[in-house]
């Protein structure tokens, strides 16, 4: 997912200010669930997250497992086609109808209604709703020029590789 959108989404999910979310996406040493200042452990297992590009590289450049990189934007633009590619990659034996039904069950509005009714296990205590907007490009309404520049400066190579920057380095 475009790290410019991730910044806005991550701030909501983790319950931090947008500036802190941007800082975390640019931090090669960022960890999820660090110990508190008094040394207490978190309720969640500590995980190295790296910067956005470091995190993406940790998955997409893995050699011990087969990886299919799927962009959130592609899921939004053509969900059935993208779901079908995932099904084929994983070797699942599913019909086109089963893929279409899975896509319908996973639509953002459906998941948001489920969260409103029953909650959502992955929602953090400090964060807002898990299924908040589900849009691509909404970073334009939230990030200022310095935040955009910081994310691009740190993550430009990987952003270009995934089509989030044009040939001049501008966000698309």
Protein backbone atom coordinates (compact mmCIF):
# COMPACT_ATOMS: atom_id res chain seq x y z
CA UNK A 1 0.00 0.00 0.00
CA UNK A 2 1.22 3.48 -0.79
CA UNK A 3 3.16 4.65 2.27
CA UNK A 4 1.54 8.07 2.03
CA UNK A 5 -1.82 6.40 2.67
CA UNK A 6 -0.24 4.04 5.20
CA UNK A 7 0.87 7.03 7.29
CA UNK A 8 -2.71 8.25 7.70
CA UNK A 9 -4.06 4.76 8.28
CA UNK A 10 -1.26 3.86 10.72
CA UNK A 11 -1.85 7.00 12.79
CA UNK A 12 -5.50 6.00 13.18
CA UNK A 13 -4.76 2.34 13.85
CA UNK A 14 -1.99 2.87 16.39
CA UNK A 15 -3.52 5.91 18.08
CA UNK A 16 -0.57 8.23 17.42
CA UNK A 17 -0.33 11.68 15.92
CA UNK A 18 0.19 11.83 12.16
CA UNK A 19 3.69 13.29 12.63
CA UNK A 20 4.64 10.27 14.76
CA UNK A 21 3.25 7.85 12.18
CA UNK A 22 5.35 9.55 9.49
CA UNK A 23 8.43 9.34 11.73
CA UNK A 24 7.85 5.62 12.28
CA UNK A 25 7.48 4.94 8.54
CA UNK A 26 10.88 6.56 8.03
CA UNK A 27 12.65 4.81 10.94
CA UNK A 28 14.85 1.82 10.02
CA UNK A 29 14.86 0.81 13.70
CA UNK A 30 11.12 1.09 14.32
CA UNK A 31 9.63 -1.68 16.43
CA UNK A 32 6.04 -2.54 17.20
CA UNK A 33 5.26 -3.08 20.89
CA UNK A 34 8.52 -1.82 22.40
CA UNK A 35 9.11 -1.97 26.14
CA UNK A 36 7.79 1.01 28.05
CA UNK A 37 10.17 3.52 29.65
CA UNK A 38 9.92 1.65 32.95
CA UNK A 39 10.91 -1.61 31.18
CA UNK A 40 7.48 -3.24 31.26
CA UNK A 41 6.61 -5.59 28.44
CA UNK A 42 3.77 -4.88 26.03
CA UNK A 43 0.69 -7.08 25.73
CA UNK A 44 1.79 -7.77 22.17
CA UNK A 45 4.92 -9.52 20.92
CA UNK A 46 7.68 -7.07 20.02
CA UNK A 47 8.23 -6.95 16.25
CA UNK A 48 10.79 -5.16 14.09
CA UNK A 49 8.88 -3.12 11.56
CA UNK A 50 11.71 -1.08 9.99
CA UNK A 51 10.85 1.86 7.74
CA UNK A 52 8.06 1.33 5.22
CA UNK A 53 10.53 0.33 2.51
CA UNK A 54 12.48 -1.87 4.94
CA UNK A 55 9.25 -3.61 5.95
CA UNK A 56 8.23 -4.16 2.32
CA UNK A 57 11.71 -5.47 1.47
CA UNK A 58 11.64 -7.87 4.43
CA UNK A 59 8.66 -9.59 2.79
CA UNK A 60 9.18 -9.14 -0.93
CA UNK A 61 12.86 -10.11 -0.86
CA UNK A 62 12.40 -13.15 1.35
CA UNK A 63 14.19 -16.17 -0.11
CA UNK A 64 12.85 -18.91 2.18
CA UNK A 65 9.22 -18.52 1.09
CA UNK A 66 7.40 -17.85 -2.17
CA UNK A 67 5.98 -14.33 -2.20
CA UNK A 68 3.30 -12.69 -4.28
CA UNK A 69 3.34 -8.93 -3.78
CA UNK A 70 -0.20 -7.57 -3.95
CA UNK A 71 -0.81 -3.85 -3.88
CA UNK A 72 -3.86 -2.62 -1.98
CA UNK A 73 -4.56 -0.30 -4.90
CA UNK A 74 -4.83 -3.28 -7.26
CA UNK A 75 -7.28 -4.97 -4.91
CA UNK A 76 -9.38 -1.81 -4.96
CA UNK A 77 -9.17 -1.31 -8.74
CA UNK A 78 -9.91 -4.89 -9.82
CA UNK A 79 -10.68 -7.08 -6.81
CA UNK A 80 -11.86 -10.20 -8.63
CA UNK A 81 -8.82 -10.27 -10.92
CA UNK A 82 -6.46 -9.71 -7.98
CA UNK A 83 -8.23 -12.30 -5.79
CA UNK A 84 -7.97 -14.75 -8.69
CA UNK A 85 -4.21 -14.15 -8.94
CA UNK A 86 -3.88 -14.83 -5.20
CA UNK A 87 -5.93 -18.03 -5.49
CA UNK A 88 -3.79 -19.22 -8.39
CA UNK A 89 -0.53 -18.33 -6.59
CA UNK A 90 -1.55 -20.22 -3.46
CA UNK A 91 -2.69 -23.25 -5.42
CA UNK A 92 -6.21 -23.20 -4.01
CA UNK A 93 -8.77 -25.06 -6.05
CA UNK A 94 -11.54 -22.46 -6.23
CA UNK A 95 -14.09 -21.71 -8.90
CA UNK A 96 -14.65 -18.26 -10.33
CA UNK A 97 -17.95 -18.12 -8.41
CA UNK A 98 -16.16 -18.92 -5.12
CA UNK A 99 -13.63 -16.16 -5.84
CA UNK A 100 -16.44 -13.69 -6.57
CA UNK A 101 -18.24 -14.68 -3.35
CA UNK A 102 -15.03 -14.25 -1.34
CA UNK A 103 -14.50 -10.83 -2.88
CA UNK A 104 -18.05 -9.79 -1.99
CA UNK A 105 -17.59 -10.98 1.61
CA UNK A 106 -14.36 -8.98 1.94
CA UNK A 107 -15.59 -5.67 0.57
CA UNK A 108 -14.65 -2.74 2.73
CA UNK A 109 -18.23 -1.66 3.44
CA UNK A 110 -19.15 -5.22 4.49
CA UNK A 111 -16.19 -5.47 6.85
CA UNK A 112 -16.89 -2.02 8.28
CA UNK A 113 -20.48 -3.02 9.08
CA UNK A 114 -19.24 -6.21 10.74
CA UNK A 115 -16.84 -4.15 12.86
CA UNK A 116 -19.62 -1.74 13.85
CA UNK A 117 -21.83 -4.66 14.87
CA UNK A 118 -19.36 -7.05 16.49
CA UNK A 119 -16.05 -5.23 16.85
CA UNK A 120 -12.81 -6.31 15.21
CA UNK A 121 -10.09 -8.30 16.92
CA UNK A 122 -7.18 -6.50 15.21
CA UNK A 123 -8.31 -3.06 16.40
CA UNK A 124 -5.91 -1.60 18.93
CA UNK A 125 -7.04 -0.15 22.25
CA UNK A 126 -5.68 3.32 21.41
CA UNK A 127 -6.66 3.32 17.75
CA UNK A 128 -9.83 4.32 16.02
CA UNK A 129 -12.00 2.04 13.94
CA UNK A 130 -9.99 -0.51 11.98
CA UNK A 131 -12.03 -0.12 8.80
CA UNK A 132 -12.01 3.65 8.61
CA UNK A 133 -11.89 4.78 4.96
CA UNK A 134 -10.46 2.11 2.69
CA UNK A 135 -9.58 4.65 0.02
CA UNK A 136 -6.46 5.14 -2.04
CA UNK A 137 -5.01 8.61 -2.37
CA UNK A 138 -6.67 10.09 0.71
CA UNK A 139 -3.27 11.09 2.05
CA UNK A 140 -3.72 14.29 -0.01
CA UNK A 141 -6.32 15.45 2.54
CA UNK A 142 -4.10 14.87 5.59
CA UNK A 143 -0.34 15.08 4.94
CA UNK A 144 1.49 18.37 4.70
CA UNK A 145 4.37 19.01 2.27
CA UNK A 146 7.08 18.25 4.83
CA UNK A 147 5.47 14.92 5.77
CA UNK A 148 5.13 13.95 2.11
CA UNK A 149 8.76 14.89 1.48
CA UNK A 150 9.99 12.91 4.50
CA UNK A 151 8.21 9.74 3.39
CA UNK A 152 9.39 10.08 -0.20
CA UNK A 153 12.99 10.95 0.78
CA UNK A 154 13.27 7.82 2.92
CA UNK A 155 11.29 5.41 0.72
CA UNK A 156 11.68 6.66 -2.87
CA UNK A 157 13.39 3.59 -4.32
CA UNK A 158 10.75 1.15 -3.09
CA UNK A 159 7.93 3.59 -3.88
CA UNK A 160 9.15 3.80 -7.48
CA UNK A 161 9.44 0.01 -7.68
CA UNK A 162 5.76 -0.33 -6.69
CA UNK A 163 4.51 2.50 -8.89
CA UNK A 164 3.79 5.05 -6.17
CA UNK A 165 6.11 7.67 -7.72
CA UNK A 166 6.39 8.79 -11.32
CA UNK A 167 9.69 8.95 -13.23
CA UNK A 168 10.44 12.38 -11.70
CA UNK A 169 9.84 11.16 -8.15
CA UNK A 170 6.44 12.78 -7.72
CA UNK A 171 3.61 10.89 -6.01
CA UNK A 172 0.99 9.47 -8.33
